[in-house]
Amino acid sequence: MTEADILASTYDDLCSVYRPCKSLSEDGETEQLQRLVYEALPCSLSHPSGGRRQREQPTPKAGSDYTLFVRPEVEIKVSDILEIHQQGRLIKGIAGRGFYYPSHNEIPVTLFKERV
């Protein structure tokens, strides 16, 4: 059993990954679509890093940063849309630039901004 297999045995969450792509519609216009890249991908979402509060005019917004852990062969790109199912909850976010290790990948995830 490899180190990647050992770490993967701790992945209790599931993730769907959508990648933005362009397509031509029937009338010849370019459309921005989201192509499903991975579905029900075993993963583990870390606890938030404490979150951060940003003050923007006129309404303040709150966001939290997470880290998604996946197997090393999984390729998640910057700006991929992530839908993570964690303990019965759906968490939606966008992927940042990942950190790649022989045993796992760490993908920074920023939740979509929500108004408070």
Protein backbone atom coordinates (compact mmCIF):
# COMPACT_ATOMS: atom_id res chain seq x y z
CA MET A 1 0.00 0.00 0.00
CA THR A 2 1.45 3.39 -1.02
CA GLU A 3 1.37 6.61 0.95
CA ALA A 4 -1.21 7.94 -1.54
CA ASP A 5 -3.44 4.92 -0.82
CA ILE A 6 -3.11 5.43 2.93
CA LEU A 7 -4.07 9.10 2.69
CA ALA A 8 -6.92 8.34 0.27
CA SER A 9 -8.41 5.96 2.84
CA THR A 10 -9.12 9.05 4.99
CA TYR A 11 -11.10 10.85 2.25
CA ASP A 12 -14.68 10.93 3.52
CA ASP A 13 -16.05 13.65 1.21
CA LEU A 14 -17.11 13.60 -2.44
CA CYS A 15 -16.48 16.28 -5.03
CA SER A 16 -17.74 17.13 -8.51
CA VAL A 17 -15.39 19.27 -10.60
CA TYR A 18 -16.62 21.47 -13.44
CA ARG A 19 -14.24 23.16 -15.87
CA PRO A 20 -15.20 26.32 -17.77
CA CYS A 21 -15.03 25.84 -21.53
CA LYS A 22 -16.24 27.63 -24.62
CA SER A 23 -18.65 26.18 -27.15
CA LEU A 24 -20.43 27.37 -30.26
CA SER A 25 -24.21 27.53 -30.03
CA GLU A 26 -26.48 26.57 -32.92
CA ASP A 27 -26.76 30.23 -33.95
CA GLY A 28 -22.96 30.62 -34.09
CA GLU A 29 -22.44 32.49 -30.82
CA THR A 30 -19.71 31.51 -28.38
CA GLU A 31 -21.11 30.27 -25.08
CA GLN A 32 -19.34 29.75 -21.74
CA LEU A 33 -20.23 26.26 -20.50
CA GLN A 34 -19.12 24.15 -17.58
CA ARG A 35 -17.93 20.64 -18.49
CA LEU A 36 -18.05 17.94 -15.82
CA VAL A 37 -14.49 16.67 -15.31
CA TYR A 38 -14.88 14.50 -12.18
CA GLU A 39 -18.00 13.22 -10.47
CA ALA A 40 -18.19 11.69 -6.97
CA LEU A 41 -14.43 12.11 -6.61
CA PRO A 42 -13.23 10.96 -3.16
CA CYS A 43 -11.62 13.89 -1.36
CA SER A 44 -11.23 15.57 2.00
CA LEU A 45 -12.06 19.19 2.72
CA SER A 46 -10.09 20.80 5.53
CA HIS A 47 -11.54 23.11 8.13
CA PRO A 48 -11.63 26.77 7.21
CA SER A 49 -8.46 28.73 7.83
CA GLY A 50 -10.36 31.07 10.10
CA GLY A 51 -12.16 32.91 7.33
CA ARG A 52 -11.80 36.55 6.57
CA ARG A 53 -14.16 39.44 6.54
CA GLN A 54 -13.90 41.94 3.73
CA ARG A 55 -15.54 45.29 3.83
CA GLU A 56 -16.79 46.41 0.46
CA GLN A 57 -19.21 49.16 -0.27
CA PRO A 58 -22.13 49.11 0.24
CA THR A 59 -22.51 45.61 1.75
CA PRO A 60 -19.80 43.68 3.63
CA LYS A 61 -19.14 40.15 2.43
CA ALA A 62 -17.67 37.17 4.25
CA GLY A 63 -15.59 34.44 2.64
CA SER A 64 -13.70 31.44 3.90
CA ASP A 65 -10.75 29.56 2.49
CA TYR A 66 -10.48 25.79 2.59
CA THR A 67 -8.04 23.19 1.33
CA LEU A 68 -9.20 20.21 -0.70
CA PHE A 69 -7.08 17.06 -0.54
CA VAL A 70 -7.23 14.60 -3.47
CA ARG A 71 -5.13 11.76 -4.90
CA PRO A 72 -1.96 12.79 -6.77
CA GLU A 73 -3.25 11.68 -10.18
CA VAL A 74 -6.26 14.05 -9.98
CA GLU A 75 -5.78 17.24 -11.99
CA ILE A 76 -7.80 20.21 -10.77
CA LYS A 77 -7.02 23.49 -12.52
CA VAL A 78 -7.25 27.10 -11.41
CA SER A 79 -10.85 28.41 -11.74
CA ASP A 80 -12.45 24.96 -11.78
CA ILE A 81 -15.83 25.03 -10.05
CA LEU A 82 -16.07 22.59 -7.13
CA GLU A 83 -19.19 21.12 -5.55
CA ILE A 84 -18.13 19.28 -2.41
CA HIS A 85 -20.47 17.06 -0.43
CA GLN A 86 -19.29 17.03 3.18
CA GLN A 87 -21.36 15.36 5.89
CA GLY A 88 -24.65 15.98 4.09
CA ARG A 89 -23.84 19.58 3.17
CA LEU A 90 -23.12 20.98 -0.28
CA ILE A 91 -20.20 23.42 -0.37
CA LYS A 92 -19.54 25.34 -3.59
CA GLY A 93 -16.27 27.04 -4.37
CA ILE A 94 -13.63 27.82 -6.92
CA ALA A 95 -10.19 26.17 -7.13
CA GLY A 96 -6.94 28.06 -6.76
CA ARG A 97 -3.45 27.01 -7.81
CA GLY A 98 -2.78 23.56 -6.39
CA PHE A 99 0.23 22.18 -4.58
CA TYR A 100 1.29 18.77 -5.89
CA TYR A 101 3.03 16.11 -3.82
CA PRO A 102 3.83 12.45 -4.56
CA SER A 103 1.23 11.37 -1.98
CA HIS A 104 -1.57 13.89 -2.60
CA ASN A 105 -2.61 17.21 -4.10
CA GLU A 106 -3.68 20.20 -2.02
CA ILE A 107 -6.10 22.51 -3.79
CA PRO A 108 -6.96 25.88 -2.22
CA VAL A 109 -10.72 26.49 -2.38
CA THR A 110 -12.44 29.83 -1.99
CA LEU A 111 -16.13 29.69 -1.29
CA PHE A 112 -18.39 31.69 -3.50
CA LYS A 113 -19.03 35.00 -1.81
CA GLU A 114 -22.26 35.29 0.08
CA ARG A 115 -23.84 38.41 1.46
CA VAL A 116 -24.10 38.72 5.22
